Amino acid sequence: MSDTSVIVINLLKVKPEKQDALLALLKQSTDTVIRTLKGWKTTRLVAADDGTGVVIYSEWETPAAVEAMRSDPRMKAYFPKILELASLESIMGSSVLSEAR
């Protein structure tokens, strides 16, 4: 059975010497903006051991909540700063399988 959450996965490619700065910026945007938005459920930041990437995994209640986040002026202020540090690919979808041991 699939989950009803909307899942957003962002893959950020970064130079190893910039990964810490990127993580700090992402933590700040999560703490000050993301967690205050209606429809947000959870966010996880996953840092590559070699320093070349960060994955942002987030769950939202609806696609409209994701679009509201993306158009929020406070979030829009972070986008140029993030793109100065890393390239970004993003997908939005829903969970079709979730297993755990």
PDB file of N, CA and C in Angstrom:
ATOM      1  N   MET A   1       0.840  -1.185   0.000  1.00  0.00           N
ATOM      2  CA  MET A   1       0.000   0.000   0.000  1.00  0.00           C
ATOM      3  C   MET A   1       0.884   1.247   0.000  1.00  0.00           C
ATOM      4  N   SER A   2       0.518   2.220  -0.814  1.00  0.00           N
ATOM      5  CA  SER A   2       1.358   3.410  -0.902  1.00  0.00           C
ATOM      6  C   SER A   2       0.981   4.438   0.161  1.00  0.00           C
ATOM      7  N   ASP A   3       1.964   5.231   0.528  1.00  0.00           N
ATOM      8  CA  ASP A   3       1.788   6.303   1.493  1.00  0.00           C
ATOM      9  C   ASP A   3       1.110   7.470   0.772  1.00  0.00           C
ATOM     10  N   THR A   4       0.372   8.289   1.484  1.00  0.00           N
ATOM     11  CA  THR A   4      -0.278   9.432   0.858  1.00  0.00           C
ATOM     12  C   THR A   4       0.597  10.682   0.864  1.00  0.00           C
ATOM     13  N   SER A   5       1.755  10.617   1.470  1.00  0.00           N
ATOM     14  CA  SER A   5       2.660  11.764   1.483  1.00  0.00           C
ATOM     15  C   SER A   5       3.205  12.044   0.093  1.00  0.00           C
ATOM     16  N   VAL A   6       3.473  13.314  -0.155  1.00  0.00           N
ATOM     17  CA  VAL A   6       4.199  13.719  -1.344  1.00  0.00           C
ATOM     18  C   VAL A   6       5.666  13.786  -0.932  1.00  0.00           C
ATOM     19  N   ILE A   7       6.505  13.125  -1.698  1.00  0.00           N
ATOM     20  CA  ILE A   7       7.932  13.071  -1.369  1.00  0.00           C
ATOM     21  C   ILE A   7       8.710  13.903  -2.382  1.00  0.00           C
ATOM     22  N   VAL A   8       9.597  14.743  -1.874  1.00  0.00           N
ATOM     23  CA  VAL A   8      10.485  15.525  -2.717  1.00  0.00           C
ATOM     24  C   VAL A   8      11.910  15.091  -2.401  1.00  0.00           C
ATOM     25  N   ILE A   9      12.627  14.720  -3.456  1.00  0.00           N
ATOM     26  CA  ILE A   9      14.038  14.352  -3.328  1.00  0.00           C
ATOM     27  C   ILE A   9      14.843  15.368  -4.127  1.00  0.00           C
ATOM     28  N   ASN A  10      15.766  16.026  -3.469  1.00  0.00           N
ATOM     29  CA  ASN A  10      16.684  16.949  -4.132  1.00  0.00           C
ATOM     30  C   ASN A  10      18.082  16.376  -4.038  1.00  0.00           C
ATOM     31  N   LEU A  11      18.757  16.296  -5.169  1.00  0.00           N
ATOM     32  CA  LEU A  11      20.144  15.853  -5.209  1.00  0.00           C
ATOM     33  C   LEU A  11      21.005  17.051  -5.552  1.00  0.00           C
ATOM     34  N   LEU A  12      21.859  17.417  -4.613  1.00  0.00           N
ATOM     35  CA  LEU A  12      22.752  18.552  -4.813  1.00  0.00           C
ATOM     36  C   LEU A  12      24.170  18.040  -4.976  1.00  0.00           C
ATOM     37  N   LYS A  13      24.799  18.402  -6.081  1.00  0.00           N
ATOM     38  CA  LYS A  13      26.197  18.061  -6.325  1.00  0.00           C
ATOM     39  C   LYS A  13      27.041  19.259  -5.913  1.00  0.00           C
ATOM     40  N   VAL A  14      28.098  18.991  -5.143  1.00  0.00           N
ATOM     41  CA  VAL A  14      28.877  20.068  -4.556  1.00  0.00           C
ATOM     42  C   VAL A  14      30.353  19.680  -4.544  1.00  0.00           C
ATOM     43  N   LYS A  15      31.226  20.672  -4.575  1.00  0.00           N
ATOM     44  CA  LYS A  15      32.650  20.404  -4.397  1.00  0.00           C
ATOM     45  C   LYS A  15      32.878  20.082  -2.928  1.00  0.00           C
ATOM     46  N   PRO A  16      33.740  19.101  -2.646  1.00  0.00           N
ATOM     47  CA  PRO A  16      33.943  18.676  -1.249  1.00  0.00           C
ATOM     48  C   PRO A  16      34.237  19.816  -0.275  1.00  0.00           C
ATOM     49  N   GLU A  17      34.975  20.812  -0.706  1.00  0.00           N
ATOM     50  CA  GLU A  17      35.319  21.909   0.207  1.00  0.00           C
ATOM     51  C   GLU A  17      34.122  22.819   0.504  1.00  0.00           C
ATOM     52  N   LYS A  18      33.015  22.651  -0.234  1.00  0.00           N
ATOM     53  CA  LYS A  18      31.830  23.481  -0.017  1.00  0.00           C
ATOM     54  C   LYS A  18      30.682  22.721   0.649  1.00  0.00           C
ATOM     55  N   GLN A  19      30.852  21.418   0.894  1.00  0.00           N
ATOM     56  CA  GLN A  19      29.754  20.632   1.446  1.00  0.00           C
ATOM     57  C   GLN A  19      29.324  21.127   2.831  1.00  0.00           C
ATOM     58  N   ASP A  20      30.256  21.451   3.704  1.00  0.00           N
ATOM     59  CA  ASP A  20      29.893  21.918   5.046  1.00  0.00           C
ATOM     60  C   ASP A  20      29.089  23.214   4.990  1.00  0.00           C
ATOM     61  N   ALA A  21      29.478  24.135   4.116  1.00  0.00           N
ATOM     62  CA  ALA A  21      28.744  25.392   3.970  1.00  0.00           C
ATOM     63  C   ALA A  21      27.337  25.132   3.433  1.00  0.00           C
ATOM     64  N   LEU A  22      27.231  24.208   2.480  1.00  0.00           N
ATOM     65  CA  LEU A  22      25.925  23.855   1.933  1.00  0.00           C
ATOM     66  C   LEU A  22      25.035  23.247   3.013  1.00  0.00           C
ATOM     67  N   LEU A  23      25.568  22.333   3.790  1.00  0.00           N
ATOM     68  CA  LEU A  23      24.791  21.713   4.865  1.00  0.00           C
ATOM     69  C   LEU A  23      24.316  22.744   5.884  1.00  0.00           C
ATOM     70  N   ALA A  24      25.174  23.676   6.238  1.00  0.00           N
ATOM     71  CA  ALA A  24      24.795  24.724   7.191  1.00  0.00           C
ATOM     72  C   ALA A  24      23.650  25.570   6.629  1.00  0.00           C
ATOM     73  N   LEU A  25      23.731  25.900   5.348  1.00  0.00           N
ATOM     74  CA  LEU A  25      22.680  26.693   4.712  1.00  0.00           C
ATOM     75  C   LEU A  25      21.361  25.919   4.657  1.00  0.00           C
ATOM     76  N   LEU A  26      21.437  24.636   4.322  1.00  0.00           N
ATOM     77  CA  LEU A  26      20.232  23.806   4.251  1.00  0.00           C
ATOM     78  C   LEU A  26      19.605  23.619   5.635  1.00  0.00           C
ATOM     79  N   LYS A  27      20.437  23.433   6.654  1.00  0.00           N
ATOM     80  CA  LYS A  27      19.913  23.319   8.019  1.00  0.00           C
ATOM     81  C   LYS A  27      19.218  24.611   8.434  1.00  0.00           C
ATOM     82  N   GLN A  28      19.835  25.742   8.087  1.00  0.00           N
ATOM     83  CA  GLN A  28      19.256  27.040   8.435  1.00  0.00           C
ATOM     84  C   GLN A  28      17.909  27.231   7.742  1.00  0.00           C
ATOM     85  N   SER A  29      17.822  26.904   6.451  1.00  0.00           N
ATOM     86  CA  SER A  29      16.553  27.089   5.735  1.00  0.00           C
ATOM     87  C   SER A  29      15.481  26.148   6.273  1.00  0.00           C
ATOM     88  N   THR A  30      15.884  24.957   6.677  1.00  0.00           N
ATOM     89  CA  THR A  30      14.922  24.005   7.253  1.00  0.00           C
ATOM     90  C   THR A  30      14.403  24.521   8.591  1.00  0.00           C
ATOM     91  N   ASP A  31      15.313  24.998   9.432  1.00  0.00           N
ATOM     92  CA  ASP A  31      14.926  25.470  10.769  1.00  0.00           C
ATOM     93  C   ASP A  31      14.102  26.753  10.739  1.00  0.00           C
ATOM     94  N   THR A  32      14.422  27.659   9.815  1.00  0.00           N
ATOM     95  CA  THR A  32      13.783  28.976   9.833  1.00  0.00           C
ATOM     96  C   THR A  32      12.587  29.104   8.893  1.00  0.00           C
ATOM     97  N   VAL A  33      12.530  28.270   7.842  1.00  0.00           N
ATOM     98  CA  VAL A  33      11.442  28.389   6.874  1.00  0.00           C
ATOM     99  C   VAL A  33      10.643  27.091   6.757  1.00  0.00           C
ATOM    100  N   ILE A  34      11.285  26.034   6.316  1.00  0.00           N
ATOM    101  CA  ILE A  34      10.588  24.790   5.977  1.00  0.00           C
ATOM    102  C   ILE A  34       9.693  24.303   7.110  1.00  0.00           C
ATOM    103  N   ARG A  35      10.235  24.215   8.299  1.00  0.00           N
ATOM    104  CA  ARG A  35       9.451  23.647   9.406  1.00  0.00           C
ATOM    105  C   ARG A  35       8.278  24.522   9.832  1.00  0.00           C
ATOM    106  N   THR A  36       8.225  25.764   9.361  1.00  0.00           N
ATOM    107  CA  THR A  36       7.112  26.651   9.693  1.00  0.00           C
ATOM    108  C   THR A  36       5.969  26.567   8.681  1.00  0.00           C
ATOM    109  N   LEU A  37       6.169  25.876   7.575  1.00  0.00           N
ATOM    110  CA  LEU A  37       5.195  25.896   6.490  1.00  0.00           C
ATOM    111  C   LEU A  37       4.102  24.849   6.659  1.00  0.00           C
ATOM    112  N   LYS A  38       2.900  25.237   6.276  1.00  0.00           N
ATOM    113  CA  LYS A  38       1.760  24.338   6.330  1.00  0.00           C
ATOM    114  C   LYS A  38       1.981  23.186   5.346  1.00  0.00           C
ATOM    115  N   GLY A  39       1.706  21.976   5.816  1.00  0.00           N
ATOM    116  CA  GLY A  39       1.815  20.808   4.954  1.00  0.00           C
ATOM    117  C   GLY A  39       3.145  20.089   5.026  1.00  0.00           C
ATOM    118  N   TRP A  40       4.132  20.661   5.736  1.00  0.00           N
ATOM    119  CA  TRP A  40       5.435  20.004   5.880  1.00  0.00           C
ATOM    120  C   TRP A  40       5.328  18.892   6.906  1.00  0.00           C
ATOM    121  N   LYS A  41       5.962  17.750   6.598  1.00  0.00           N
ATOM    122  CA  LYS A  41       5.930  16.625   7.528  1.00  0.00           C
ATOM    123  C   LYS A  41       7.316  16.283   8.073  1.00  0.00           C
ATOM    124  N   THR A  42       8.295  16.148   7.212  1.00  0.00           N
ATOM    125  CA  THR A  42       9.637  15.773   7.665  1.00  0.00           C
ATOM    126  C   THR A  42      10.677  16.133   6.608  1.00  0.00           C
ATOM    127  N   THR A  43      11.905  16.331   7.070  1.00  0.00           N
ATOM    128  CA  THR A  43      13.050  16.555   6.184  1.00  0.00           C
ATOM    129  C   THR A  43      14.249  15.806   6.733  1.00  0.00           C
ATOM    130  N   ARG A  44      14.974  15.165   5.834  1.00  0.00           N
ATOM    131  CA  ARG A  44      16.250  14.524   6.177  1.00  0.00           C
ATOM    132  C   ARG A  44      17.312  15.036   5.226  1.00  0.00           C
ATOM    133  N   LEU A  45      18.474  15.366   5.765  1.00  0.00           N
ATOM    134  CA  LEU A  45      19.629  15.716   4.950  1.00  0.00           C
ATOM    135  C   LEU A  45      20.606  14.555   5.023  1.00  0.00           C
ATOM    136  N   VAL A  46      21.052  14.093   3.859  1.00  0.00           N
ATOM    137  CA  VAL A  46      22.001  12.990   3.785  1.00  0.00           C
ATOM    138  C   VAL A  46      23.248  13.507   3.076  1.00  0.00           C
ATOM    139  N   ALA A  47      24.386  13.478   3.765  1.00  0.00           N
ATOM    140  CA  ALA A  47      25.640  13.981   3.214  1.00  0.00           C
ATOM    141  C   ALA A  47      26.490  12.821   2.692  1.00  0.00           C
ATOM    142  N   ALA A  48      26.997  12.957   1.486  1.00  0.00           N
ATOM    143  CA  ALA A  48      27.884  11.948   0.919  1.00  0.00           C
ATOM    144  C   ALA A  48      29.184  11.909   1.707  1.00  0.00           C
ATOM    145  N   ASP A  49      29.657  10.716   1.984  1.00  0.00           N
ATOM    146  CA  ASP A  49      30.909  10.567   2.747  1.00  0.00           C
ATOM    147  C   ASP A  49      32.097  11.210   2.045  1.00  0.00           C
ATOM    148  N   ASP A  50      32.075  11.250   0.701  1.00  0.00           N
ATOM    149  CA  ASP A  50      33.203  11.822  -0.031  1.00  0.00           C
ATOM    150  C   ASP A  50      33.073  13.343  -0.211  1.00  0.00           C
ATOM    151  N   GLY A  51      32.001  13.931   0.321  1.00  0.00           N
ATOM    152  CA  GLY A  51      31.840  15.376   0.286  1.00  0.00           C
ATOM    153  C   GLY A  51      31.284  15.942  -1.002  1.00  0.00           C
ATOM    154  N   THR A  52      30.883  15.094  -1.950  1.00  0.00           N
ATOM    155  CA  THR A  52      30.482  15.589  -3.267  1.00  0.00           C
ATOM    156  C   THR A  52      28.979  15.736  -3.469  1.00  0.00           C
ATOM    157  N   GLY A  53      28.208  15.463  -2.433  1.00  0.00           N
ATOM    158  CA  GLY A  53      26.775  15.584  -2.635  1.00  0.00           C
ATOM    159  C   GLY A  53      25.987  15.601  -1.345  1.00  0.00           C
ATOM    160  N   VAL A  54      24.763  16.105  -1.471  1.00  0.00           N
ATOM    161  CA  VAL A  54      23.804  16.116  -0.375  1.00  0.00           C
ATOM    162  C   VAL A  54      22.447  15.752  -0.972  1.00  0.00           C
ATOM    163  N   VAL A  55      21.742  14.889  -0.286  1.00  0.00           N
ATOM    164  CA  VAL A  55      20.378  14.565  -0.667  1.00  0.00           C
ATOM    165  C   VAL A  55      19.446  15.175   0.379  1.00  0.00           C
ATOM    166  N   ILE A  56      18.419  15.864  -0.109  1.00  0.00           N
ATOM    167  CA  ILE A  56      17.366  16.360   0.766  1.00  0.00           C
ATOM    168  C   ILE A  56      16.146  15.492   0.500  1.00  0.00           C
ATOM    169  N   TYR A  57      15.690  14.803   1.534  1.00  0.00           N
ATOM    170  CA  TYR A  57      14.486  13.986   1.463  1.00  0.00           C
ATOM    171  C   TYR A  57      13.444  14.694   2.306  1.00  0.00           C
ATOM    172  N   SER A  58      12.324  15.066   1.700  1.00  0.00           N
ATOM    173  CA  SER A  58      11.279  15.708   2.491  1.00  0.00           C
ATOM    174  C   SER A  58       9.913  15.166   2.121  1.00  0.00           C
ATOM    175  N   GLU A  59       9.044  15.164   3.108  1.00  0.00           N
ATOM    176  CA  GLU A  59       7.671  14.716   2.911  1.00  0.00           C
ATOM    177  C   GLU A  59       6.729  15.867   3.197  1.00  0.00           C
ATOM    178  N   TRP A  60       5.693  15.946   2.360  1.00  0.00           N
ATOM    179  CA  TRP A  60       4.696  17.006   2.431  1.00  0.00           C
ATOM    180  C   TRP A  60       3.320  16.379   2.332  1.00  0.00           C
ATOM    181  N   GLU A  61       2.311  17.086   2.808  1.00  0.00           N
ATOM    182  CA  GLU A  61       0.946  16.560   2.783  1.00  0.00           C
ATOM    183  C   GLU A  61       0.355  16.532   1.382  1.00  0.00           C
ATOM    184  N   THR A  62       0.647  17.552   0.559  1.00  0.00           N
ATOM    185  CA  THR A  62       0.047  17.660  -0.772  1.00  0.00           C
ATOM    186  C   THR A  62       1.031  18.296  -1.754  1.00  0.00           C
ATOM    187  N   PRO A  63       0.796  18.111  -3.072  1.00  0.00           N
ATOM    188  CA  PRO A  63       1.602  18.842  -4.055  1.00  0.00           C
ATOM    189  C   PRO A  63       1.470  20.367  -3.894  1.00  0.00           C
ATOM    190  N   ALA A  64       0.288  20.826  -3.491  1.00  0.00           N
ATOM    191  CA  ALA A  64       0.095  22.270  -3.283  1.00  0.00           C
ATOM    192  C   ALA A  64       1.003  22.800  -2.172  1.00  0.00           C
ATOM    193  N   ALA A  65       1.230  22.002  -1.147  1.00  0.00           N
ATOM    194  CA  ALA A  65       2.132  22.414  -0.060  1.00  0.00           C
ATOM    195  C   ALA A  65       3.555  22.569  -0.582  1.00  0.00           C
ATOM    196  N   VAL A  66       3.971  21.673  -1.480  1.00  0.00           N
ATOM    197  CA  VAL A  66       5.313  21.769  -2.082  1.00  0.00           C
ATOM    198  C   VAL A  66       5.414  23.046  -2.906  1.00  0.00           C
ATOM    199  N   GLU A  67       4.408  23.312  -3.715  1.00  0.00           N
ATOM    200  CA  GLU A  67       4.424  24.519  -4.546  1.00  0.00           C
ATOM    201  C   GLU A  67       4.409  25.777  -3.686  1.00  0.00           C
ATOM    202  N   ALA A  68       3.663  25.755  -2.584  1.00  0.00           N
ATOM    203  CA  ALA A  68       3.647  26.909  -1.674  1.00  0.00           C
ATOM    204  C   ALA A  68       5.037  27.132  -1.078  1.00  0.00           C
ATOM    205  N   MET A  69       5.730  26.043  -0.729  1.00  0.00           N
ATOM    206  CA  MET A  69       7.093  26.164  -0.204  1.00  0.00           C
ATOM    207  C   MET A  69       8.006  26.784  -1.250  1.00  0.00           C
ATOM    208  N   ARG A  70       7.921  26.287  -2.468  1.00  0.00           N
ATOM    209  CA  ARG A  70       8.794  26.778  -3.539  1.00  0.00           C
ATOM    210  C   ARG A  70       8.537  28.238  -3.885  1.00  0.00           C
ATOM    211  N   SER A  71       7.322  28.715  -3.670  1.00  0.00           N
ATOM    212  CA  SER A  71       7.002  30.102  -3.996  1.00  0.00           C
ATOM    213  C   SER A  71       7.064  31.036  -2.788  1.00  0.00           C
ATOM    214  N   ASP A  72       7.327  30.492  -1.604  1.00  0.00           N
ATOM    215  CA  ASP A  72       7.436  31.320  -0.411  1.00  0.00           C
ATOM    216  C   ASP A  72       8.635  32.270  -0.558  1.00  0.00           C
ATOM    217  N   PRO A  73       8.438  33.566  -0.347  1.00  0.00           N
ATOM    218  CA  PRO A  73       9.536  34.531  -0.523  1.00  0.00           C
ATOM    219  C   PRO A  73      10.756  34.227   0.339  1.00  0.00           C
ATOM    220  N   ARG A  74      10.534  33.706   1.536  1.00  0.00           N
ATOM    221  CA  ARG A  74      11.673  33.369   2.409  1.00  0.00           C
ATOM    222  C   ARG A  74      12.479  32.226   1.805  1.00  0.00           C
ATOM    223  N   MET A  75      11.801  31.257   1.212  1.00  0.00           N
ATOM    224  CA  MET A  75      12.504  30.134   0.592  1.00  0.00           C
ATOM    225  C   MET A  75      13.188  30.581  -0.691  1.00  0.00           C
ATOM    226  N   LYS A  76      12.489  31.415  -1.456  1.00  0.00           N
ATOM    227  CA  LYS A  76      13.076  31.922  -2.703  1.00  0.00           C
ATOM    228  C   LYS A  76      14.389  32.657  -2.443  1.00  0.00           C
ATOM    229  N   ALA A  77      14.517  33.283  -1.287  1.00  0.00           N
ATOM    230  CA  ALA A  77      15.749  33.988  -0.935  1.00  0.00           C
ATOM    231  C   ALA A  77      16.915  33.008  -0.753  1.00  0.00           C
ATOM    232  N   TYR A  78      16.612  31.758  -0.398  1.00  0.00           N
ATOM    233  CA  TYR A  78      17.672  30.761  -0.213  1.00  0.00           C
ATOM    234  C   TYR A  78      18.152  30.150  -1.530  1.00  0.00           C
ATOM    235  N   PHE A  79      17.283  30.073  -2.528  1.00  0.00           N
ATOM    236  CA  PHE A  79      17.638  29.370  -3.761  1.00  0.00           C
ATOM    237  C   PHE A  79      18.923  29.863  -4.422  1.00  0.00           C
ATOM    238  N   PRO A  80      19.120  31.183  -4.596  1.00  0.00           N
ATOM    239  CA  PRO A  80      20.377  31.628  -5.215  1.00  0.00           C
ATOM    240  C   PRO A  80      21.613  31.256  -4.384  1.00  0.00           C
ATOM    241  N   LYS A  81      21.482  31.320  -3.062  1.00  0.00           N
ATOM    242  CA  LYS A  81      22.610  30.967  -2.191  1.00  0.00           C
ATOM    243  C   LYS A  81      22.960  29.490  -2.331  1.00  0.00           C
ATOM    244  N   ILE A  82      21.922  28.648  -2.416  1.00  0.00           N
ATOM    245  CA  ILE A  82      22.140  27.211  -2.589  1.00  0.00           C
ATOM    246  C   ILE A  82      22.809  26.943  -3.931  1.00  0.00           C
ATOM    247  N   LEU A  83      22.312  27.602  -4.989  1.00  0.00           N
ATOM    248  CA  LEU A  83      22.854  27.371  -6.328  1.00  0.00           C
ATOM    249  C   LEU A  83      24.260  27.938  -6.508  1.00  0.00           C
ATOM    250  N   GLU A  84      24.681  28.852  -5.639  1.00  0.00           N
ATOM    251  CA  GLU A  84      26.075  29.317  -5.651  1.00  0.00           C
ATOM    252  C   GLU A  84      27.014  28.207  -5.193  1.00  0.00           C
ATOM    253  N   LEU A  85      26.507  27.302  -4.363  1.00  0.00           N
ATOM    254  CA  LEU A  85      27.330  26.240  -3.787  1.00  0.00           C
ATOM    255  C   LEU A  85      27.200  24.910  -4.516  1.00  0.00           C
ATOM    256  N   ALA A  86      26.066  24.670  -5.166  1.00  0.00           N
ATOM    257  CA  ALA A  86      25.820  23.326  -5.705  1.00  0.00           C
ATOM    258  C   ALA A  86      24.875  23.368  -6.896  1.00  0.00           C
ATOM    259  N   SER A  87      24.938  22.302  -7.704  1.00  0.00           N
ATOM    260  CA  SER A  87      23.917  22.100  -8.741  1.00  0.00           C
ATOM    261  C   SER A  87      22.777  21.311  -8.110  1.00  0.00           C
ATOM    262  N   LEU A  88      21.593  21.388  -8.706  1.00  0.00           N
ATOM    263  CA  LEU A  88      20.410  20.818  -8.081  1.00  0.00           C
ATOM    264  C   LEU A  88      19.550  20.072  -9.087  1.00  0.00           C
ATOM    265  N   GLU A  89      19.165  18.858  -8.724  1.00  0.00           N
ATOM    266  CA  GLU A  89      18.145  18.102  -9.449  1.00  0.00           C
ATOM    267  C   GLU A  89      17.061  17.762  -8.444  1.00  0.00           C
ATOM    268  N   SER A  90      15.797  17.799  -8.888  1.00  0.00           N
ATOM    269  CA  SER A  90      14.690  17.583  -7.978  1.00  0.00           C
ATOM    270  C   SER A  90      13.639  16.691  -8.619  1.00  0.00           C
ATOM    271  N   ILE A  91      13.075  15.785  -7.811  1.00  0.00           N
ATOM    272  CA  ILE A  91      11.928  14.995  -8.253  1.00  0.00           C
ATOM    273  C   ILE A  91      10.867  15.025  -7.167  1.00  0.00           C
ATOM    274  N   MET A  92       9.614  14.933  -7.600  1.00  0.00           N
ATOM    275  CA  MET A  92       8.502  14.874  -6.667  1.00  0.00           C
ATOM    276  C   MET A  92       7.673  13.655  -7.027  1.00  0.00           C
ATOM    277  N   GLY A  93       7.304  12.875  -6.026  1.00  0.00           N
ATOM    278  CA  GLY A  93       6.507  11.688  -6.274  1.00  0.00           C
ATOM    279  C   GLY A  93       5.900  11.156  -5.006  1.00  0.00           C
ATOM    280  N   SER A  94       5.496   9.884  -5.054  1.00  0.00           N
ATOM    281  CA  SER A  94       4.925   9.250  -3.873  1.00  0.00           C
ATOM    282  C   SER A  94       5.578   7.896  -3.673  1.00  0.00           C
ATOM    283  N   SER A  95       5.551   7.431  -2.453  1.00  0.00           N
ATOM    284  CA  SER A  95       6.168   6.163  -2.101  1.00  0.00           C
ATOM    285  C   SER A  95       5.326   5.020  -2.657  1.00  0.00           C
ATOM    286  N   VAL A  96       5.993   4.072  -3.326  1.00  0.00           N
ATOM    287  CA  VAL A  96       5.290   2.891  -3.820  1.00  0.00           C
ATOM    288  C   VAL A  96       5.732   1.622  -3.085  1.00  0.00           C
ATOM    289  N   LEU A  97       6.825   1.739  -2.321  1.00  0.00           N
ATOM    290  CA  LEU A  97       7.296   0.616  -1.508  1.00  0.00           C
ATOM    291  C   LEU A  97       8.092   1.159  -0.354  1.00  0.00           C
ATOM    292  N   SER A  98       7.818   0.653   0.823  1.00  0.00           N
ATOM    293  CA  SER A  98       8.577   1.009   2.015  1.00  0.00           C
ATOM    294  C   SER A  98       8.702  -0.241   2.872  1.00  0.00           C
ATOM    295  N   GLU A  99       9.915  -0.708   3.001  1.00  0.00           N
ATOM    296  CA  GLU A  99      10.167  -1.902   3.800  1.00  0.00           C
ATOM    297  C   GLU A  99      11.202  -1.592   4.851  1.00  0.00           C
ATOM    298  N   ALA A 100      11.104  -2.283   5.941  1.00  0.00           N
ATOM    299  CA  ALA A 100      12.088  -2.132   7.023  1.00  0.00           C
ATOM    300  C   ALA A 100      12.292  -3.479   7.687  1.00  0.00           C
ATOM    301  N   ARG A 101      13.422  -3.626   8.289  1.00  0.00           N
ATOM    302  CA  ARG A 101      13.747  -4.851   9.003  1.00  0.00           C
ATOM    303  C   ARG A 101      13.490  -4.663  10.461  1.00  0.00           C
TER     304      ARG A 101
END
